[in-house]
Protein backbone atom coordinates (compact mmCIF):
# COMPACT_ATOMS: atom_id res chain seq x y z
CA MET A 1 74.85 127.34 77.54
CA ILE A 2 74.63 129.96 80.31
CA PRO A 3 76.44 133.20 79.38
CA VAL A 4 79.65 133.89 81.32
CA ALA A 5 78.36 137.29 82.47
CA LEU A 6 75.21 135.70 83.92
CA CYS A 7 77.31 133.07 85.77
CA ARG A 8 79.44 135.86 87.26
CA ASP A 9 76.35 137.81 88.34
CA LEU A 10 74.79 134.72 89.93
CA PHE A 11 78.03 134.02 91.79
CA LEU A 12 78.19 137.60 93.11
CA ILE A 13 74.54 137.47 94.21
CA ASN A 14 75.10 134.14 95.97
CA THR A 15 78.21 135.50 97.71
CA ALA A 16 76.31 138.58 98.87
CA LEU A 17 73.54 136.41 100.31
CA LEU A 18 76.05 134.25 102.15
CA ARG A 19 77.74 137.33 103.60
CA ALA A 20 74.38 138.67 104.68
CA GLU A 21 73.73 135.56 106.77
CA GLY A 22 77.22 135.74 108.30
CA ASN A 23 78.65 132.75 106.45
CA PRO A 24 82.46 132.87 106.89
CA MET A 25 82.88 130.67 103.81
CA ALA A 26 81.89 133.68 101.71
CA PHE A 27 84.80 135.78 103.05
CA ASN A 28 88.18 136.04 101.38
CA ILE A 29 91.21 134.66 103.21
CA ASP A 30 92.03 137.91 105.04
CA GLU A 31 88.42 138.28 106.16
CA GLN A 32 88.39 134.68 107.34
CA ILE A 33 91.53 135.33 109.41
CA ASN A 34 89.96 138.40 111.02
CA PHE A 35 86.81 136.38 111.67
CA LEU A 36 88.78 133.61 113.42
CA LYS A 37 90.59 136.12 115.63
CA LYS A 38 87.24 136.86 117.29
CA ILE A 39 86.93 133.20 118.33
CA ASP A 40 88.38 132.36 121.75
CA PHE A 41 90.09 129.23 120.44
CA PHE A 42 92.35 131.28 118.14
CA GLU A 43 93.10 134.25 120.40
CA ASN A 44 96.85 133.48 120.58
CA PHE A 45 97.33 132.61 116.89
CA ASP A 46 98.98 135.15 114.57
CA ASP A 47 97.97 135.85 110.96
CA HIS A 48 100.60 133.55 109.46
CA GLU A 49 99.56 130.63 111.66
CA LEU A 50 95.88 131.17 110.90
CA ARG A 51 96.65 131.27 107.19
CA GLN A 52 98.53 127.96 107.53
CA PHE A 53 95.65 126.49 109.50
CA LEU A 54 93.03 127.53 106.94
CA SER A 55 95.05 125.90 104.17
CA VAL A 56 94.64 122.45 105.77
CA THR A 57 91.04 122.67 107.03
CA LYS A 58 87.58 122.58 105.50
CA TRP A 59 84.64 124.92 106.12
CA LEU A 60 81.31 123.24 106.73
CA LYS A 61 77.79 124.62 106.95
CA VAL A 62 75.56 122.10 108.73
CA ALA A 63 71.83 122.21 109.30
CA ALA A 64 70.21 121.76 112.71
CA GLU A 65 69.57 118.20 113.94
CA THR A 66 72.56 116.80 112.04
CA VAL A 67 74.67 114.15 113.75
CA LEU A 68 78.34 115.18 113.40
CA ILE A 69 79.94 112.48 115.53
CA ARG A 70 78.45 109.05 116.07
CA GLU A 71 79.25 106.80 119.00
CA ASN A 72 81.41 103.71 118.47
CA THR A 73 82.85 104.97 115.18
CA ASN A 74 86.49 105.55 114.24
CA GLU A 75 86.20 108.79 112.26
CA ARG A 76 89.55 110.56 112.38
CA VAL A 77 88.48 114.22 112.39
CA PHE A 78 87.76 116.90 114.95
CA TYR A 79 85.77 120.11 114.71
CA ILE A 80 85.98 123.73 115.81
CA LEU A 81 82.56 125.35 116.20
CA ILE A 82 82.72 128.79 114.62
CA LYS A 83 79.05 129.69 114.90
CA GLY A 84 76.03 127.87 116.34
CA GLU A 85 75.35 125.34 119.10
CA VAL A 86 75.85 121.57 119.37
CA MET A 87 74.85 118.97 121.96
CA VAL A 88 77.04 116.15 123.29
CA PHE A 89 75.01 113.04 124.09
CA LYS A 90 75.22 109.43 125.19
CA THR A 91 72.79 106.96 123.64
CA LEU A 92 70.54 104.92 125.92
CA GLU A 93 70.04 101.17 125.59
CA ASP A 94 66.89 101.51 123.47
CA GLY A 95 68.96 103.19 120.75
CA ILE A 96 66.21 105.80 120.28
CA HIS A 97 66.80 108.17 123.20
CA ALA A 98 69.96 109.77 124.54
CA VAL A 99 71.12 111.62 127.64
CA GLN A 100 72.35 115.17 127.05
CA LEU A 101 75.83 115.46 128.57
CA THR A 102 76.48 119.10 127.72
CA THR A 103 76.02 121.78 125.06
CA LEU A 104 78.78 123.69 123.30
CA GLN A 105 78.66 127.16 121.78
CA SER A 106 80.74 129.18 119.31
CA GLY A 107 84.49 128.86 119.91
CA ALA A 108 84.33 125.34 121.36
CA CYS A 109 86.04 122.32 119.88
CA PHE A 110 84.96 118.70 120.00
CA GLY A 111 86.26 115.37 118.79
CA GLU A 112 89.76 116.60 119.71
CA MET A 113 90.75 113.27 121.29
CA SER A 114 91.23 111.97 117.73
CA LEU A 115 94.25 114.28 117.54
CA VAL A 116 96.15 112.12 119.99
CA MET A 117 94.36 108.76 120.08
CA ASP A 118 92.83 106.39 117.55
CA VAL A 119 89.92 105.29 119.74
CA LYS A 120 86.25 104.79 119.05
CA ARG A 121 83.97 107.70 119.86
CA THR A 122 82.53 107.39 123.37
CA ALA A 123 79.85 110.06 122.86
CA GLY A 124 77.90 111.56 119.99
CA VAL A 125 77.53 115.18 118.88
CA ILE A 126 74.50 116.69 117.14
CA THR A 127 73.80 120.24 115.99
CA ARG A 128 71.04 122.15 117.78
CA SER A 129 71.02 125.01 115.28
CA ASP A 130 72.49 125.80 111.87
CA CYS A 131 76.25 125.70 112.42
CA PHE A 132 79.45 126.81 110.72
CA LEU A 133 82.42 124.61 111.54
CA LEU A 134 86.02 123.98 110.62
CA MET A 135 86.75 120.30 110.07
CA VAL A 136 90.33 119.22 110.73
CA GLU A 137 92.06 115.92 110.01
CA PRO A 138 94.57 115.10 112.79
CA GLU A 139 97.07 113.57 110.37
CA ILE A 140 97.22 116.88 108.51
CA ILE A 141 97.90 118.80 111.73
CA ASN A 142 100.53 116.25 112.78
CA SER A 143 102.37 116.78 109.51
CA SER A 144 102.17 120.59 109.56
CA ASN A 145 104.59 123.20 110.93
CA VAL A 146 105.91 122.15 114.34
CA PHE A 147 105.16 125.56 115.90
CA LEU A 148 101.56 125.36 114.71
CA GLN A 149 101.33 121.88 116.24
CA LEU A 150 102.65 123.16 119.57
CA LYS A 151 100.03 125.92 119.70
CA PHE A 152 97.29 123.44 118.93
CA TYR A 153 98.39 121.01 121.61
CA LYS A 154 98.74 123.84 124.14
CA ARG A 155 95.25 125.10 123.33
CA PHE A 156 93.78 121.60 123.59
CA CYS A 157 95.50 121.08 126.95
CA GLU A 158 93.95 124.31 128.24
CA ILE A 159 90.50 123.21 127.07
CA LEU A 160 90.83 119.71 128.53
CA VAL A 161 92.07 121.09 131.87
CA SER A 162 89.15 123.53 132.09
CA ARG A 163 86.69 120.72 131.31
CA LEU A 164 88.34 118.52 133.95
CA ILE A 165 87.95 121.30 136.53
CA VAL A 166 84.24 121.62 135.70
CA ALA A 167 83.83 117.83 135.95
CA ASN A 168 85.55 117.79 139.35
CA GLU A 169 83.28 120.57 140.61
CA ARG A 170 80.22 118.61 139.51
CA MET A 171 81.45 115.48 141.26
CA THR A 172 82.14 117.29 144.55
CA SER A 173 79.04 119.50 144.67
CA ILE A 174 75.77 117.72 145.46
CA ASP A 175 73.88 120.83 144.45
CA VAL A 176 75.33 120.74 140.96
CA VAL A 177 74.87 117.03 140.28
CA PRO A 178 71.29 116.51 139.09
CA PRO A 179 69.22 113.63 140.47
CA ALA A 180 68.59 110.79 138.03
CA GLY A 181 65.08 112.03 137.46
CA ARG A 182 66.37 115.38 136.27
CA LEU A 183 68.65 114.03 133.55
CA ILE A 184 67.88 115.62 130.20
CA VAL A 185 66.74 112.88 127.83
CA VAL A 186 66.27 113.64 124.13
CA LYS A 187 65.03 111.66 121.16
CA LEU A 188 67.59 111.10 118.41
CA PRO A 189 66.89 111.93 114.74
CA LYS A 190 65.76 108.96 112.66
CA ASP A 191 68.86 108.97 110.45
CA SER A 192 71.07 108.27 113.48
CA LEU A 193 69.09 105.46 115.10
CA ASP A 194 70.54 102.41 113.36
CA ILE A 195 74.18 103.32 113.77
CA ASN A 196 73.77 104.27 117.42
CA LYS A 197 71.96 101.11 118.51
CA PRO A 198 74.17 99.10 120.85
CA LYS A 199 75.87 96.25 119.04
CA LEU A 200 77.19 93.07 120.62
CA LYS A 201 80.96 92.90 120.31
CA PRO A 202 82.08 89.51 118.96
CA THR A 203 84.40 87.68 121.31
CA SER A 204 86.29 86.19 118.41
CA THR A 205 86.52 86.44 114.66
CA PRO A 206 83.28 84.97 113.22
CA THR A 207 83.68 81.84 111.15
CA PRO A 208 81.97 81.77 107.72
CA THR A 209 78.97 79.45 107.66
CA SER A 210 80.44 77.53 104.75
CA ALA A 211 83.62 76.69 106.66
CA PRO A 212 83.31 74.25 109.56
CA THR A 213 86.75 75.07 111.00
CA SER A 214 88.56 78.26 112.06
CA THR A 215 91.11 77.96 109.27
CA THR A 216 90.74 77.83 105.48
CA SER A 217 92.89 75.80 103.10
CA PHE A 218 93.99 76.73 99.59
CA VAL A 219 95.87 74.63 97.08
CA THR A 220 98.91 76.35 95.60
CA GLU A 221 101.91 74.94 93.72
CA ASN A 222 100.62 71.38 94.25
CA GLN A 223 100.81 71.88 98.01
CA LYS A 224 98.03 72.49 100.47
CA MET A 225 98.77 75.67 102.44
CA GLU A 226 96.66 76.18 105.52
CA LEU A 227 95.92 79.77 106.48
CA PRO A 228 96.30 80.76 110.11
CA PRO A 229 93.24 82.23 111.84
CA LEU A 230 92.91 85.97 111.36
CA PRO A 231 94.06 87.91 114.44
CA ALA A 232 91.35 89.26 116.72
CA LYS A 233 89.98 92.64 115.70
CA LYS A 234 91.60 95.42 117.65
CA GLU A 235 90.48 98.68 119.15
CA ARG A 236 92.19 101.52 117.34
CA GLY A 237 95.13 102.56 119.49
CA VAL A 238 97.50 105.47 119.27
CA VAL A 239 99.18 105.35 115.86
CA ARG A 240 102.38 106.83 117.26
CA ALA A 241 102.62 103.92 119.68
CA PHE A 242 103.71 101.82 116.70
CA GLN A 243 106.93 103.83 116.59
CA ARG A 244 108.26 101.48 119.27
CA GLN A 245 107.82 98.55 116.88
CA LEU A 246 108.24 100.21 113.47
CA THR A 247 111.85 101.33 113.82
CA ALA A 248 115.14 100.99 112.01
CA ALA A 249 115.80 97.85 114.09
CA LEU A 250 113.31 95.86 111.98
CA GLU A 251 114.99 93.41 109.61
CA LEU A 252 112.67 93.44 106.57
CA PRO A 253 112.48 90.27 104.44
CA TYR A 254 113.89 90.47 100.94
CA ASN A 255 113.31 88.60 97.67
CA ARG A 256 115.50 85.52 98.00
CA LEU A 257 116.04 84.98 94.27
CA VAL A 258 117.26 88.57 93.93
CA GLY A 259 119.55 87.97 96.91
CA ASN A 260 120.97 84.86 95.24
CA ARG A 261 121.75 86.90 92.11
CA ILE A 262 123.51 89.54 94.21
CA LEU A 263 125.70 87.11 96.21
CA PRO A 264 128.33 86.57 93.44
CA LEU A 265 128.88 90.35 93.33
CA LEU A 266 129.62 90.56 97.04
CA ALA A 267 132.84 88.55 97.07
CA GLY A 268 136.25 89.86 96.05
CA GLU A 269 136.98 92.86 93.88
CA SER A 270 133.70 93.50 92.07
CA GLU A 271 133.94 96.36 89.59
CA ASN A 272 130.41 95.96 88.23
CA THR A 273 128.84 98.50 90.59
CA LEU A 274 126.12 99.45 88.11
CA ARG A 275 124.99 95.82 87.93
CA LEU A 276 124.99 95.64 91.73
CA ALA A 277 122.93 98.85 91.99
CA ASP A 278 120.43 97.57 89.41
CA LEU A 279 119.94 94.29 91.27
CA VAL A 280 119.57 96.02 94.63
CA GLN A 281 116.88 98.25 93.14
CA MET A 282 114.85 95.20 92.16
CA ASP A 283 114.04 94.61 95.83
CA PRO A 284 112.37 97.02 98.31
CA ALA A 285 114.03 95.61 101.46
CA LEU A 286 117.59 95.60 100.09
CA SER A 287 117.20 99.14 98.71
CA TRP A 288 115.73 100.16 102.07
CA LYS A 289 118.74 98.76 103.92
CA ILE A 290 121.18 100.71 101.73
CA MET A 291 119.20 103.93 102.17
CA GLN A 292 118.98 103.33 105.92
CA VAL A 293 122.75 103.03 106.26
CA ALA A 294 123.48 106.00 104.00
CA ASN A 295 121.09 108.24 105.95
CA SER A 296 122.31 107.09 109.37
CA SER A 297 124.03 109.54 111.72
CA PHE A 298 127.41 108.05 110.76
CA TYR A 299 127.12 109.04 107.08
CA ARG A 300 124.49 111.80 107.29
CA ARG A 301 125.15 114.75 104.99
CA SER A 302 123.51 118.19 105.11
CA VAL A 303 120.64 116.77 103.02
CA PRO A 304 119.25 113.20 102.99
CA ILE A 305 120.60 110.72 100.46
CA ALA A 306 117.81 110.18 97.94
CA THR A 307 119.00 107.45 95.52
CA VAL A 308 120.61 104.02 95.78
CA PRO A 309 123.61 104.85 93.51
CA HIS A 310 124.31 107.99 95.57
CA ALA A 311 124.02 105.93 98.75
CA MET A 312 126.49 103.36 97.43
CA ILE A 313 129.02 106.09 96.60
CA THR A 314 128.55 107.70 100.01
CA VAL A 315 128.96 104.48 101.98
CA GLY A 316 131.58 102.92 99.70
CA ILE A 317 131.36 99.75 97.62
CA LYS A 318 133.39 97.64 100.08
CA ASN A 319 131.11 98.64 102.93
CA ILE A 320 128.02 98.00 100.78
CA GLN A 321 129.28 94.49 99.97
CA SER A 322 129.86 93.79 103.66
CA ILE A 323 126.43 95.17 104.69
CA LEU A 324 124.57 93.17 102.03
CA SER A 325 126.48 89.97 102.82
CA GLU A 326 125.55 90.22 106.49
CA TYR A 327 121.96 91.27 105.76
CA ILE A 328 121.29 88.48 103.26
CA GLY A 329 122.78 85.95 105.67
CA ILE A 330 120.39 87.07 108.43
CA LYS A 331 117.34 87.25 106.19
CA GLN A 332 117.76 83.74 104.83
CA ARG A 333 116.63 82.49 108.25
CA ARG A 334 113.20 84.17 108.03
CA LYS A 335 110.32 83.72 105.59
CA ALA A 336 108.00 86.55 104.62
CA PHE A 337 104.24 86.15 104.90
CA SER A 338 104.62 82.95 106.98
CA GLY A 339 105.99 81.12 103.95
CA HIS A 340 103.02 81.80 101.66
CA LYS A 341 105.05 82.21 98.46
CA GLU A 342 102.16 83.36 96.30
CA VAL A 343 101.61 86.36 98.62
CA GLY A 344 105.32 87.17 98.55
CA ARG A 345 105.45 86.95 94.76
CA SER A 346 102.46 89.27 94.46
CA PHE A 347 104.01 91.81 96.85
CA TRP A 348 107.41 91.97 95.12
CA ARG A 349 105.88 91.93 91.64
CA HIS A 350 103.49 94.74 92.57
CA SER A 351 106.24 96.89 94.16
CA THR A 352 108.66 96.63 91.24
CA MET A 353 106.01 97.03 88.55
CA VAL A 354 104.54 100.12 90.24
CA ALA A 355 108.07 101.57 90.32
CA ARG A 356 108.60 100.89 86.60
CA ILE A 357 105.14 102.13 85.58
CA ALA A 358 105.68 105.33 87.59
CA ALA A 359 109.01 105.93 85.84
CA LEU A 360 107.32 105.31 82.48
CA LEU A 361 104.51 107.75 83.36
CA ARG A 362 107.08 110.38 84.31
CA ASP A 363 108.84 109.98 80.97
CA VAL A 364 105.64 109.97 78.91
CA LEU A 365 104.42 113.12 80.66
CA ARG A 366 107.91 114.67 80.37
CA LEU A 367 108.03 115.66 84.02
CA ASN A 368 111.14 117.11 85.64
CA MET A 369 111.27 115.76 89.17
CA SER A 370 113.97 116.09 91.82
CA SER A 371 113.04 112.87 93.65
CA ASP A 372 113.66 109.35 92.34
CA ILE A 373 110.15 108.32 91.30
CA TYR A 374 111.29 104.72 90.71
CA LEU A 375 112.49 104.39 94.30
CA ALA A 376 109.31 106.07 95.56
CA GLY A 377 107.32 103.37 93.76
CA LEU A 378 109.54 100.60 95.08
CA PHE A 379 109.03 101.83 98.67
CA HIS A 380 105.34 102.77 98.49
CA ASP A 381 104.09 99.55 100.15
CA ILE A 382 107.12 98.84 102.38
CA GLY A 383 104.82 99.16 105.40
CA ILE A 384 103.33 95.77 104.49
CA LEU A 385 106.68 94.06 105.13
CA ALA A 386 106.97 95.80 108.49
CA LEU A 387 103.40 94.99 109.59
CA ASP A 388 103.87 91.38 108.51
CA ILE A 389 106.56 91.14 111.21
CA VAL A 390 104.26 92.74 113.79
CA GLU A 391 101.17 90.66 112.85
CA PRO A 392 102.35 87.56 110.91
CA CYS A 393 98.89 85.91 110.76
CA PHE A 394 97.26 88.74 108.78
CA TYR A 395 98.74 89.09 105.28
CA PRO A 396 98.76 85.36 104.37
CA HIS A 397 94.98 85.80 103.92
CA LEU A 398 95.73 87.80 100.76
CA SER A 399 96.06 84.38 99.11
CA ASP A 400 92.27 84.01 99.45
CA PRO A 401 90.70 86.14 96.68
CA HIS A 402 87.39 86.09 98.61
CA SER A 403 88.87 87.46 101.84
CA GLU A 404 88.05 90.90 103.20
CA LEU A 405 91.71 91.80 102.68
CA CYS A 406 91.29 91.57 98.92
CA ALA A 407 88.00 93.48 99.09
CA ASP A 408 89.47 96.41 101.05
CA LEU A 409 93.00 96.00 102.36
CA HIS A 410 93.10 99.42 104.05
CA ALA A 411 89.91 98.79 106.06
CA ALA A 412 91.05 95.28 107.02
CA GLU A 413 94.40 96.60 108.25
CA ILE A 414 92.66 99.16 110.46
CA ASN A 415 90.29 96.52 111.86
CA TYR A 416 92.85 93.80 112.57
CA ILE A 417 96.12 95.70 113.11
CA SER A 418 94.81 99.21 113.98
CA ILE A 419 97.16 100.91 111.50
CA ASP A 420 97.36 100.76 107.70
CA HIS A 421 100.50 100.04 105.69
CA GLY A 422 100.76 103.65 104.46
CA GLN A 423 101.02 105.01 108.00
CA ALA A 424 103.35 102.16 108.96
CA GLY A 425 105.68 102.87 106.05
CA ALA A 426 105.76 106.59 106.88
CA LEU A 427 106.66 105.87 110.53
CA LEU A 428 109.38 103.48 109.38
CA GLY A 429 110.70 106.05 106.89
CA GLU A 430 110.84 108.75 109.55
CA SER A 431 112.81 106.43 111.83
CA ILE A 432 115.66 106.09 109.29
CA GLY A 433 115.70 109.71 108.09
CA LEU A 434 114.35 109.01 104.61
CA PRO A 435 113.68 112.05 102.35
CA GLU A 436 110.23 113.59 102.87
CA SER A 437 109.12 112.84 99.31
CA TYR A 438 109.28 109.08 99.95
CA ILE A 439 107.52 109.43 103.31
CA ASP A 440 104.68 111.43 101.72
CA VAL A 441 104.30 108.83 98.97
CA MET A 442 104.04 106.01 101.51
CA ARG A 443 101.55 107.89 103.67
CA PHE A 444 99.27 109.33 100.96
CA HIS A 445 99.56 107.11 97.86
CA HIS A 446 96.02 105.80 98.46
CA ALA A 447 94.63 109.31 99.12
CA PRO A 448 96.56 111.89 97.02
CA ILE A 449 93.98 114.57 97.86
CA ALA A 450 95.35 114.59 101.45
CA ALA A 451 98.94 115.31 100.43
CA ARG A 452 100.14 118.86 101.09
CA THR A 453 103.73 118.47 99.89
CA ASN A 454 105.37 116.35 97.17
CA GLN A 455 101.95 116.10 95.54
CA LEU A 456 103.29 115.24 92.09
CA SER A 457 105.24 112.23 93.37
CA VAL A 458 102.21 111.05 95.37
CA ALA A 459 99.95 111.44 92.32
CA LEU A 460 102.26 109.47 90.00
CA ILE A 461 102.62 106.56 92.43
CA HIS A 462 98.85 106.55 93.04
CA LEU A 463 98.22 106.26 89.30
CA ALA A 464 100.99 103.69 88.76
CA ASP A 465 99.47 101.62 91.57
CA ALA A 466 96.04 101.79 89.91
CA PHE A 467 97.43 100.91 86.44
CA ALA A 468 99.32 97.93 87.91
CA ILE A 469 96.20 96.56 89.62
CA GLN A 470 94.17 97.13 86.45
CA HIS A 471 96.70 94.96 84.59
CA GLY A 472 96.40 92.19 87.18
CA VAL A 473 99.42 93.07 89.32
CA GLY A 474 97.95 93.68 92.75
CA HIS A 475 98.50 92.15 96.18
CA CYS A 476 95.96 89.37 95.70
CA PRO A 477 97.27 86.49 93.54
CA GLY A 478 95.41 86.22 90.24
CA THR A 479 93.53 88.93 88.42
CA GLY A 480 90.31 90.72 89.18
CA ALA A 481 90.37 90.08 92.93
CA GLU A 482 90.98 93.66 94.01
CA ILE A 483 88.42 96.42 93.59
CA VAL A 484 89.75 99.84 92.61
CA ALA A 485 88.00 103.07 91.68
CA PRO A 486 88.02 104.04 87.98
CA ILE A 487 91.41 105.58 87.14
CA GLY A 488 89.78 108.45 85.26
CA GLU A 489 88.03 109.64 88.43
CA SER A 490 91.24 109.95 90.45
CA TYR A 491 92.13 113.33 91.97
CA ALA A 492 95.72 112.60 90.92
CA TRP A 493 94.97 113.91 87.40
CA ALA A 494 93.99 117.31 88.83
CA ILE A 495 97.31 117.40 90.71
CA ILE A 496 99.25 116.64 87.53
CA GLN A 497 97.34 119.33 85.62
CA GLU A 498 98.08 121.83 88.38
CA HIS A 499 101.82 121.09 88.49
CA HIS A 500 102.34 120.42 84.78
CA ARG A 501 100.50 123.01 82.70
CA PRO A 502 100.99 121.30 79.29
CA PHE A 503 98.84 118.40 80.56
CA SER A 504 95.89 120.77 81.10
CA ASP A 505 95.11 120.55 77.38
CA ILE A 506 95.13 116.72 77.34
CA ASN A 507 91.95 114.66 77.37
CA VAL A 508 92.43 112.43 80.42
CA THR A 509 90.22 109.60 79.14
CA GLU A 510 92.08 109.44 75.82
CA PHE A 511 95.42 109.53 77.63
CA ILE A 512 94.39 106.63 79.90
CA ASN A 513 93.28 104.53 76.93
CA THR A 514 96.49 105.27 75.02
CA PHE A 515 98.71 104.59 78.03
CA ASN A 516 96.89 101.32 78.80
CA SER A 517 97.33 100.23 75.22
CA GLU A 518 101.04 101.07 75.37
CA LEU A 519 101.39 99.17 78.65
CA SER A 520 99.81 96.08 77.10
CA LYS A 521 102.20 96.22 74.12
CA THR A 522 105.34 96.75 76.22
CA TRP A 523 104.41 94.65 79.26
CA SER A 524 106.88 91.85 78.53
CA SER A 525 109.79 94.27 78.14
CA LEU A 526 108.63 96.31 81.14
CA SER A 527 108.70 93.21 83.36
CA ASP A 528 111.89 91.84 81.81
CA GLY A 529 114.47 90.58 84.28
CA LEU A 530 112.13 90.56 87.28
CA THR A 531 112.50 87.47 89.44
CA PHE A 532 110.09 86.62 92.23
CA SER A 533 110.69 83.98 94.87
């Protein structure tokens, strides 16, 4: 074992060497802020804003001849060049050479179009020298302080306008525009050749060689259900454009068997409000409707309503009965997932079991939380119901355990819908004024490392989701169809250790084994009373 004193000395020596070569990553936070102030991009940012910015970005040191941005990819990041030089290029048809479009020096930004549009990269960027950069994820900026967002957008507008002026000057000045023979052509590094070779875009979804038709049939419940063709793959559009479709006006489908159990409680003088609340909380769509009404402008309090019982008290039992009666009547005319019952059962079973497992995890860990972790679990995949309305031919393919949806649902959603269910749920939650904790859970439950607020809630739902899938309760009917990363490797455990100090002394592997064993023993009681249509 290396002595602690030696480790400290090695760290100090390494830090000194990094400072000597001007590496800003070696500076403390105040030194980093002072360093950024010397960069043109940040000239109008104050110390507080720079501190906020540094908390949501990553420092990178990149060697020369490294491709940072590749053409025709959908990477959702942009960069600010702190030190060094990069080249913007466009690949030629041979896939080996490229035309140099321009070079950028310290203080420039690139890839910034990903801040406002989800489009494929139209040009590549490669380093021409050793570079220090700040890497920024647009979704993080879009969820940060509104004043910081405004400064960023203003700065990007200034940069884009200045680049447009330069482009106009080049187009109108024959002396500036180089003849074709004077274009600067460079050879690309070997590690970038394959990905930058032009690829033929398929005109339609390719049909597997084993299937002679464009649709696939599966036998379920003694009936032959034919899957519709997958929708055509889409170019990634502006995520915010989905706000026009993912709004409070959407009538989400509910579990019909739960609705049938609720109907007797909606007529006459029902005094069993606790029973009504329990049944409502067995279904994501019905709970969503109650929360939507309670958080509407008509009932809005100084703070958002965060639980179903509180919402029922706020709105009033008579009004709740009337709302549910009307909602259930409307929803009985529409089938979720194009009538594929096995997909619907899997969705509702997964949502309710994740909610119950999350509540059990909270109790086992003895966590004090202000938000309703059960409701957060119930809502975590609500975006799937919304996207099923927007693209009804997509989710029925979850009934095929060999489909790309079961292999990687997130990637398939991006390819075929251009938005994933986490983003869709967050947009839907924002439209009805849902508490931020639920919105963060929906947006980040598959990537807890990206969450900046409500991290504990996000971590618990992420783990509950993983435990549910491990026990065969995922979105794909049957067990073993979905591939998930080992639970023990999840960043969620680090979040729990950070927010709950007593857990720092717990062996995570032993805890997972014990909790899994307890889940297996109590599974029947944990799923007791759940009905899936």
